[in-house]
Amino acid sequence: MKYHLDRDTLLMVGVHALPLLGVWFVGWSAPALLILYWLETLVIGVGTVVMVALARDQPIALLSSPAHPARTGIGMALFVLAHAGIFMGIHLFMLTMAFELTPGSAPSVLESLPALLFEKGLWLPVVGICMIRALVTMRALQRRESIDRYLIGFYFRIVVMQLAVIGGGFLLVFTGAQGALVVLVAARLAFEFAVPSVEDYVEEHIARLHRRSTGGTGG
């Protein structure tokens, strides 16, 4: 697997450097960072659903089988919304559990969200993520880029988000808030660097499988 950087990745890494300022100067907690990462996944998911809905009759290899090819459109966008929404709901429930592990936190994520967004300044990176994702979505639609790689990246983020919530909860228990903060920020930055390469690898692997299933030749 080859690792590479692109402009979008560097922009996202820059946005993810903001939590360090929040930790140092505003007093963000480990649960606050987990909420930020969940909100980021939500924003990226919305952008991905919009791509699937608006892209012009494009095949989606990730969700296809030889007998049932999938294509972009409103129906497939609703499927992605429902399917990914289940996992996002599970993650929100797990975040509530993580909050309950932290002394002094509000009993639920939803009760804490307004204060975290507006009193702790969490809105700033969220706005940055929304702006970047809107630009990425518009560019992808204009250039008719492959929807597969964006779906791959989104579902990869869902998997990593689940690991982050579970790992963050354990870190809160066994290393305390400061240890959890350091590990979460470092792991999140490393993840942003890895996403483009994972998208390339999975997209190429799916393409090879489809070529074989249709009698073509692959590398």
C-alpha atoms as a PDB file:
ATOM      1  CA  MET A   1       0.000   0.000   0.000  1.00  0.00           C
ATOM      2  CA  LYS A   2       1.433   3.379  -1.039  1.00  0.00           C
ATOM      3  CA  TYR A   3       1.007   6.357   1.235  1.00  0.00           C
ATOM      4  CA  HIS A   4       0.510   9.779  -0.290  1.00  0.00           C
ATOM      5  CA  LEU A   5      -0.778  13.209   0.581  1.00  0.00           C
ATOM      6  CA  ASP A   6      -3.210  15.420  -1.285  1.00  0.00           C
ATOM      7  CA  ARG A   7      -4.613  18.887  -0.692  1.00  0.00           C
ATOM      8  CA  ASP A   8      -7.821  17.648   0.918  1.00  0.00           C
ATOM      9  CA  THR A   9      -5.877  15.473   3.351  1.00  0.00           C
ATOM     10  CA  LEU A  10      -3.600  18.344   4.349  1.00  0.00           C
ATOM     11  CA  LEU A  11      -6.630  20.591   4.885  1.00  0.00           C
ATOM     12  CA  MET A  12      -8.280  17.980   7.098  1.00  0.00           C
ATOM     13  CA  VAL A  13      -5.048  17.496   9.064  1.00  0.00           C
ATOM     14  CA  GLY A  14      -4.913  21.261   9.574  1.00  0.00           C
ATOM     15  CA  VAL A  15      -8.458  21.257  10.922  1.00  0.00           C
ATOM     16  CA  HIS A  16      -7.556  18.387  13.238  1.00  0.00           C
ATOM     17  CA  ALA A  17      -4.668  20.384  14.666  1.00  0.00           C
ATOM     18  CA  LEU A  18      -7.279  22.747  16.142  1.00  0.00           C
ATOM     19  CA  PRO A  19      -8.221  20.297  18.924  1.00  0.00           C
ATOM     20  CA  LEU A  20      -4.706  20.729  20.324  1.00  0.00           C
ATOM     21  CA  LEU A  21      -5.426  24.446  20.750  1.00  0.00           C
ATOM     22  CA  GLY A  22      -8.769  23.579  22.309  1.00  0.00           C
ATOM     23  CA  VAL A  23      -7.109  21.214  24.758  1.00  0.00           C
ATOM     24  CA  TRP A  24      -4.363  23.669  25.709  1.00  0.00           C
ATOM     25  CA  PHE A  25      -6.308  26.949  25.857  1.00  0.00           C
ATOM     26  CA  VAL A  26     -10.022  26.150  26.215  1.00  0.00           C
ATOM     27  CA  GLY A  27      -9.949  23.013  28.324  1.00  0.00           C
ATOM     28  CA  TRP A  28     -11.514  20.491  25.968  1.00  0.00           C
ATOM     29  CA  SER A  29     -11.868  17.018  27.438  1.00  0.00           C
ATOM     30  CA  ALA A  30     -11.406  13.574  25.910  1.00  0.00           C
ATOM     31  CA  PRO A  31     -15.204  13.120  25.576  1.00  0.00           C
ATOM     32  CA  ALA A  32     -15.343  16.505  23.795  1.00  0.00           C
ATOM     33  CA  LEU A  33     -12.816  15.263  21.242  1.00  0.00           C
ATOM     34  CA  LEU A  34     -14.819  12.082  20.740  1.00  0.00           C
ATOM     35  CA  ILE A  35     -17.916  14.194  20.069  1.00  0.00           C
ATOM     36  CA  LEU A  36     -15.930  16.282  17.571  1.00  0.00           C
ATOM     37  CA  TYR A  37     -14.838  13.128  15.752  1.00  0.00           C
ATOM     38  CA  TRP A  38     -18.413  11.819  15.729  1.00  0.00           C
ATOM     39  CA  LEU A  39     -19.684  15.122  14.318  1.00  0.00           C
ATOM     40  CA  GLU A  40     -16.977  15.022  11.659  1.00  0.00           C
ATOM     41  CA  THR A  41     -18.046  11.533  10.613  1.00  0.00           C
ATOM     42  CA  LEU A  42     -21.647  12.772  10.495  1.00  0.00           C
ATOM     43  CA  VAL A  43     -20.710  15.709   8.236  1.00  0.00           C
ATOM     44  CA  ILE A  44     -18.703  13.459   5.920  1.00  0.00           C
ATOM     45  CA  GLY A  45     -21.603  11.014   5.843  1.00  0.00           C
ATOM     46  CA  VAL A  46     -24.040  13.741   4.804  1.00  0.00           C
ATOM     47  CA  GLY A  47     -21.666  14.804   2.032  1.00  0.00           C
ATOM     48  CA  THR A  48     -21.310  11.218   0.854  1.00  0.00           C
ATOM     49  CA  VAL A  49     -25.085  10.685   0.774  1.00  0.00           C
ATOM     50  CA  VAL A  50     -25.443  13.886  -1.280  1.00  0.00           C
ATOM     51  CA  MET A  51     -22.819  12.576  -3.725  1.00  0.00           C
ATOM     52  CA  VAL A  52     -24.616   9.253  -4.112  1.00  0.00           C
ATOM     53  CA  ALA A  53     -27.937  11.032  -4.663  1.00  0.00           C
ATOM     54  CA  LEU A  54     -26.731  13.628  -7.180  1.00  0.00           C
ATOM     55  CA  ALA A  55     -23.986  11.837  -9.135  1.00  0.00           C
ATOM     56  CA  ARG A  56     -25.068  11.099 -12.710  1.00  0.00           C
ATOM     57  CA  ASP A  57     -25.897   7.400 -13.108  1.00  0.00           C
ATOM     58  CA  GLN A  58     -22.542   6.129 -11.864  1.00  0.00           C
ATOM     59  CA  PRO A  59     -21.851   2.467 -10.959  1.00  0.00           C
ATOM     60  CA  ILE A  60     -20.988   1.755  -7.323  1.00  0.00           C
ATOM     61  CA  ALA A  61     -18.699  -1.270  -7.219  1.00  0.00           C
ATOM     62  CA  LEU A  62     -18.495  -1.280  -3.412  1.00  0.00           C
ATOM     63  CA  LEU A  63     -22.226  -2.050  -3.084  1.00  0.00           C
ATOM     64  CA  SER A  64     -22.577  -4.200  -6.212  1.00  0.00           C
ATOM     65  CA  SER A  65     -22.599  -7.920  -6.932  1.00  0.00           C
ATOM     66  CA  PRO A  66     -22.381  -9.582 -10.369  1.00  0.00           C
ATOM     67  CA  ALA A  67     -26.129 -10.251 -10.295  1.00  0.00           C
ATOM     68  CA  HIS A  68     -27.174  -6.958  -8.702  1.00  0.00           C
ATOM     69  CA  PRO A  69     -25.148  -3.947  -9.859  1.00  0.00           C
ATOM     70  CA  ALA A  70     -25.628  -0.793  -7.798  1.00  0.00           C
ATOM     71  CA  ARG A  71     -25.801   2.702  -9.257  1.00  0.00           C
ATOM     72  CA  THR A  72     -26.027   6.195  -7.867  1.00  0.00           C
ATOM     73  CA  GLY A  73     -29.403   7.821  -7.294  1.00  0.00           C
ATOM     74  CA  ILE A  74     -31.935   8.714  -4.633  1.00  0.00           C
ATOM     75  CA  GLY A  75     -32.744   5.088  -3.791  1.00  0.00           C
ATOM     76  CA  MET A  76     -29.124   4.121  -3.173  1.00  0.00           C
ATOM     77  CA  ALA A  77     -28.555   7.349  -1.225  1.00  0.00           C
ATOM     78  CA  LEU A  78     -31.442   6.438   1.097  1.00  0.00           C
ATOM     79  CA  PHE A  79     -29.933   2.973   1.574  1.00  0.00           C
ATOM     80  CA  VAL A  80     -26.551   4.445   2.533  1.00  0.00           C
ATOM     81  CA  LEU A  81     -28.297   6.923   4.849  1.00  0.00           C
ATOM     82  CA  ALA A  82     -30.212   4.165   6.650  1.00  0.00           C
ATOM     83  CA  HIS A  83     -27.312   1.701   6.763  1.00  0.00           C
ATOM     84  CA  ALA A  84     -24.706   4.171   7.985  1.00  0.00           C
ATOM     85  CA  GLY A  85     -27.253   5.840  10.271  1.00  0.00           C
ATOM     86  CA  ILE A  86     -27.568   2.628  12.276  1.00  0.00           C
ATOM     87  CA  PHE A  87     -23.842   2.621  13.005  1.00  0.00           C
ATOM     88  CA  MET A  88     -23.803   6.339  13.786  1.00  0.00           C
ATOM     89  CA  GLY A  89     -26.641   5.811  16.259  1.00  0.00           C
ATOM     90  CA  ILE A  90     -24.709   3.006  17.942  1.00  0.00           C
ATOM     91  CA  HIS A  91     -21.665   5.261  18.188  1.00  0.00           C
ATOM     92  CA  LEU A  92     -23.769   8.014  19.778  1.00  0.00           C
ATOM     93  CA  PHE A  93     -24.990   5.527  22.375  1.00  0.00           C
ATOM     94  CA  MET A  94     -21.395   4.480  23.049  1.00  0.00           C
ATOM     95  CA  LEU A  95     -20.397   8.134  23.408  1.00  0.00           C
ATOM     96  CA  THR A  96     -23.051   8.509  26.089  1.00  0.00           C
ATOM     97  CA  MET A  97     -21.440   5.586  27.892  1.00  0.00           C
ATOM     98  CA  ALA A  98     -18.029   7.279  27.609  1.00  0.00           C
ATOM     99  CA  PHE A  99     -19.486  10.464  29.108  1.00  0.00           C
ATOM    100  CA  GLU A 100     -20.825   8.525  32.066  1.00  0.00           C
ATOM    101  CA  LEU A 101     -17.296   7.232  32.725  1.00  0.00           C
ATOM    102  CA  THR A 102     -15.963  10.786  33.073  1.00  0.00           C
ATOM    103  CA  PRO A 103     -16.442  12.467  36.480  1.00  0.00           C
ATOM    104  CA  GLY A 104     -18.197  15.822  36.288  1.00  0.00           C
ATOM    105  CA  SER A 105     -19.657  15.296  32.834  1.00  0.00           C
ATOM    106  CA  ALA A 106     -23.310  15.732  32.009  1.00  0.00           C
ATOM    107  CA  PRO A 107     -25.326  12.494  32.018  1.00  0.00           C
ATOM    108  CA  SER A 108     -25.831  12.521  28.250  1.00  0.00           C
ATOM    109  CA  VAL A 109     -24.089  13.697  25.107  1.00  0.00           C
ATOM    110  CA  LEU A 110     -27.152  15.623  23.931  1.00  0.00           C
ATOM    111  CA  GLU A 111     -27.304  17.610  27.179  1.00  0.00           C
ATOM    112  CA  SER A 112     -23.623  18.506  26.872  1.00  0.00           C
ATOM    113  CA  LEU A 113     -23.578  19.312  23.156  1.00  0.00           C
ATOM    114  CA  PRO A 114     -24.797  22.968  23.285  1.00  0.00           C
ATOM    115  CA  ALA A 115     -22.247  23.860  25.960  1.00  0.00           C
ATOM    116  CA  LEU A 116     -19.428  22.096  24.127  1.00  0.00           C
ATOM    117  CA  LEU A 117     -20.293  23.750  20.821  1.00  0.00           C
ATOM    118  CA  PHE A 118     -20.777  27.330  21.994  1.00  0.00           C
ATOM    119  CA  GLU A 119     -19.145  27.703  25.416  1.00  0.00           C
ATOM    120  CA  LYS A 120     -16.089  25.547  24.705  1.00  0.00           C
ATOM    121  CA  GLY A 121     -15.704  26.672  21.092  1.00  0.00           C
ATOM    122  CA  LEU A 122     -16.207  23.272  19.506  1.00  0.00           C
ATOM    123  CA  TRP A 123     -18.185  24.995  16.739  1.00  0.00           C
ATOM    124  CA  LEU A 124     -14.989  26.329  15.129  1.00  0.00           C
ATOM    125  CA  PRO A 125     -13.532  23.005  13.915  1.00  0.00           C
ATOM    126  CA  VAL A 126     -17.052  21.784  13.073  1.00  0.00           C
ATOM    127  CA  VAL A 127     -17.577  24.786  10.773  1.00  0.00           C
ATOM    128  CA  GLY A 128     -14.162  24.179   9.222  1.00  0.00           C
ATOM    129  CA  ILE A 129     -15.017  20.534   8.560  1.00  0.00           C
ATOM    130  CA  CYS A 130     -18.375  21.526   7.010  1.00  0.00           C
ATOM    131  CA  MET A 131     -16.731  24.056   4.689  1.00  0.00           C
ATOM    132  CA  ILE A 132     -14.038  21.652   3.545  1.00  0.00           C
ATOM    133  CA  ARG A 133     -16.518  18.847   2.994  1.00  0.00           C
ATOM    134  CA  ALA A 134     -18.868  21.083   1.018  1.00  0.00           C
ATOM    135  CA  LEU A 135     -15.994  22.025  -1.300  1.00  0.00           C
ATOM    136  CA  VAL A 136     -14.927  18.385  -1.648  1.00  0.00           C
ATOM    137  CA  THR A 137     -18.498  17.313  -2.452  1.00  0.00           C
ATOM    138  CA  MET A 138     -19.040  20.023  -5.077  1.00  0.00           C
ATOM    139  CA  ARG A 139     -15.707  19.300  -6.740  1.00  0.00           C
ATOM    140  CA  ALA A 140     -16.352  15.548  -6.819  1.00  0.00           C
ATOM    141  CA  LEU A 141     -19.739  16.069  -8.469  1.00  0.00           C
ATOM    142  CA  GLN A 142     -18.398  18.571 -11.000  1.00  0.00           C
ATOM    143  CA  ARG A 143     -15.514  16.290 -11.995  1.00  0.00           C
ATOM    144  CA  ARG A 144     -17.644  13.135 -11.878  1.00  0.00           C
ATOM    145  CA  GLU A 145     -15.117  11.501  -9.583  1.00  0.00           C
ATOM    146  CA  SER A 146     -15.526   7.911  -8.431  1.00  0.00           C
ATOM    147  CA  ILE A 147     -18.171   7.657  -5.714  1.00  0.00           C
ATOM    148  CA  ASP A 148     -16.635   4.375  -4.572  1.00  0.00           C
ATOM    149  CA  ARG A 149     -13.581   5.971  -2.995  1.00  0.00           C
ATOM    150  CA  TYR A 150     -15.734   8.393  -0.997  1.00  0.00           C
ATOM    151  CA  LEU A 151     -17.935   5.542   0.235  1.00  0.00           C
ATOM    152  CA  ILE A 152     -14.826   3.547   1.139  1.00  0.00           C
ATOM    153  CA  GLY A 153     -13.422   6.491   3.077  1.00  0.00           C
ATOM    154  CA  PHE A 154     -16.725   7.075   4.867  1.00  0.00           C
ATOM    155  CA  TYR A 155     -17.189   3.472   5.968  1.00  0.00           C
ATOM    156  CA  PHE A 156     -13.538   3.269   6.980  1.00  0.00           C
ATOM    157  CA  ARG A 157     -14.140   6.302   9.184  1.00  0.00           C
ATOM    158  CA  ILE A 158     -17.154   4.578  10.741  1.00  0.00           C
ATOM    159  CA  VAL A 159     -15.003   1.577  11.671  1.00  0.00           C
ATOM    160  CA  VAL A 160     -12.253   3.783  13.082  1.00  0.00           C
ATOM    161  CA  MET A 161     -14.840   5.881  14.942  1.00  0.00           C
ATOM    162  CA  GLN A 162     -16.082   2.753  16.696  1.00  0.00           C
ATOM    163  CA  LEU A 163     -12.532   1.827  17.681  1.00  0.00           C
ATOM    164  CA  ALA A 164     -11.926   5.401  18.851  1.00  0.00           C
ATOM    165  CA  VAL A 165     -15.012   5.401  21.075  1.00  0.00           C
ATOM    166  CA  ILE A 166     -14.147   2.027  22.594  1.00  0.00           C
ATOM    167  CA  GLY A 167     -10.462   2.873  22.929  1.00  0.00           C
ATOM    168  CA  GLY A 168     -11.221   6.321  24.295  1.00  0.00           C
ATOM    169  CA  GLY A 169     -13.442   4.826  26.975  1.00  0.00           C
ATOM    170  CA  PHE A 170     -10.715   2.421  28.074  1.00  0.00           C
ATOM    171  CA  LEU A 171      -8.120   5.195  28.050  1.00  0.00           C
ATOM    172  CA  LEU A 172     -10.330   7.343  30.265  1.00  0.00           C
ATOM    173  CA  VAL A 173     -10.531   4.522  32.778  1.00  0.00           C
ATOM    174  CA  PHE A 174      -6.912   3.337  32.724  1.00  0.00           C
ATOM    175  CA  THR A 175      -4.801   6.393  31.807  1.00  0.00           C
ATOM    176  CA  GLY A 176      -6.947   9.341  32.834  1.00  0.00           C
ATOM    177  CA  ALA A 177      -8.129  12.279  30.775  1.00  0.00           C
ATOM    178  CA  GLN A 178      -4.708  13.627  29.773  1.00  0.00           C
ATOM    179  CA  GLY A 179      -3.456  10.273  28.527  1.00  0.00           C
ATOM    180  CA  ALA A 180      -6.645   9.781  26.548  1.00  0.00           C
ATOM    181  CA  LEU A 181      -6.311  13.232  24.965  1.00  0.00           C
ATOM    182  CA  VAL A 182      -2.758  12.662  23.786  1.00  0.00           C
ATOM    183  CA  VAL A 183      -3.524   9.260  22.280  1.00  0.00           C
ATOM    184  CA  LEU A 184      -6.773  10.402  20.625  1.00  0.00           C
ATOM    185  CA  VAL A 185      -5.217  13.427  18.908  1.00  0.00           C
ATOM    186  CA  ALA A 186      -2.154  11.480  17.733  1.00  0.00           C
ATOM    187  CA  ALA A 187      -4.238   8.561  16.455  1.00  0.00           C
ATOM    188  CA  ARG A 188      -6.664  10.890  14.684  1.00  0.00           C
ATOM    189  CA  LEU A 189      -3.889  12.718  12.832  1.00  0.00           C
ATOM    190  CA  ALA A 190      -2.319   9.404  11.787  1.00  0.00           C
ATOM    191  CA  PHE A 191      -5.719   8.255  10.535  1.00  0.00           C
ATOM    192  CA  GLU A 192      -6.141  11.350   8.324  1.00  0.00           C
ATOM    193  CA  PHE A 193      -2.814  10.593   6.658  1.00  0.00           C
ATOM    194  CA  ALA A 194      -3.837   6.964   6.062  1.00  0.00           C
ATOM    195  CA  VAL A 195      -7.312   7.531   4.570  1.00  0.00           C
ATOM    196  CA  PRO A 196      -6.298   8.301   0.940  1.00  0.00           C
ATOM    197  CA  SER A 197      -4.074   5.223   0.756  1.00  0.00           C
ATOM    198  CA  VAL A 198      -6.789   2.997   2.217  1.00  0.00           C
ATOM    199  CA  GLU A 199      -9.265   4.370  -0.333  1.00  0.00           C
ATOM    200  CA  ASP A 200      -6.852   3.609  -3.182  1.00  0.00           C
ATOM    201  CA  TYR A 201      -6.095   0.092  -1.929  1.00  0.00           C
ATOM    202  CA  VAL A 202      -9.720  -0.955  -1.376  1.00  0.00           C
ATOM    203  CA  GLU A 203     -10.888   0.607  -4.651  1.00  0.00           C
ATOM    204  CA  GLU A 204      -8.202  -1.258  -6.617  1.00  0.00           C
ATOM    205  CA  HIS A 205      -9.002  -4.522  -4.809  1.00  0.00           C
ATOM    206  CA  ILE A 206     -12.738  -4.208  -5.577  1.00  0.00           C
ATOM    207  CA  ALA A 207     -11.954  -3.427  -9.218  1.00  0.00           C
ATOM    208  CA  ARG A 208      -9.835  -6.597  -9.488  1.00  0.00           C
ATOM    209  CA  LEU A 209     -12.604  -8.712  -7.971  1.00  0.00           C
ATOM    210  CA  HIS A 210     -15.166  -7.334 -10.411  1.00  0.00           C
ATOM    211  CA  ARG A 211     -12.874  -7.914 -13.384  1.00  0.00           C
ATOM    212  CA  ARG A 212     -12.435 -11.533 -12.340  1.00  0.00           C
ATOM    213  CA  SER A 213     -16.171 -12.046 -11.770  1.00  0.00           C
ATOM    214  CA  THR A 214     -16.944 -10.724 -15.251  1.00  0.00           C
ATOM    215  CA  GLY A 215     -14.221 -12.739 -16.966  1.00  0.00           C
ATOM    216  CA  GLY A 216     -11.729  -9.896 -17.340  1.00  0.00           C
ATOM    217  CA  THR A 217      -8.093  -9.927 -16.372  1.00  0.00           C
ATOM    218  CA  GLY A 218      -6.672  -8.163 -13.377  1.00  0.00           C
ATOM    219  CA  GLY A 219      -3.306  -7.432 -11.876  1.00  0.00           C
END
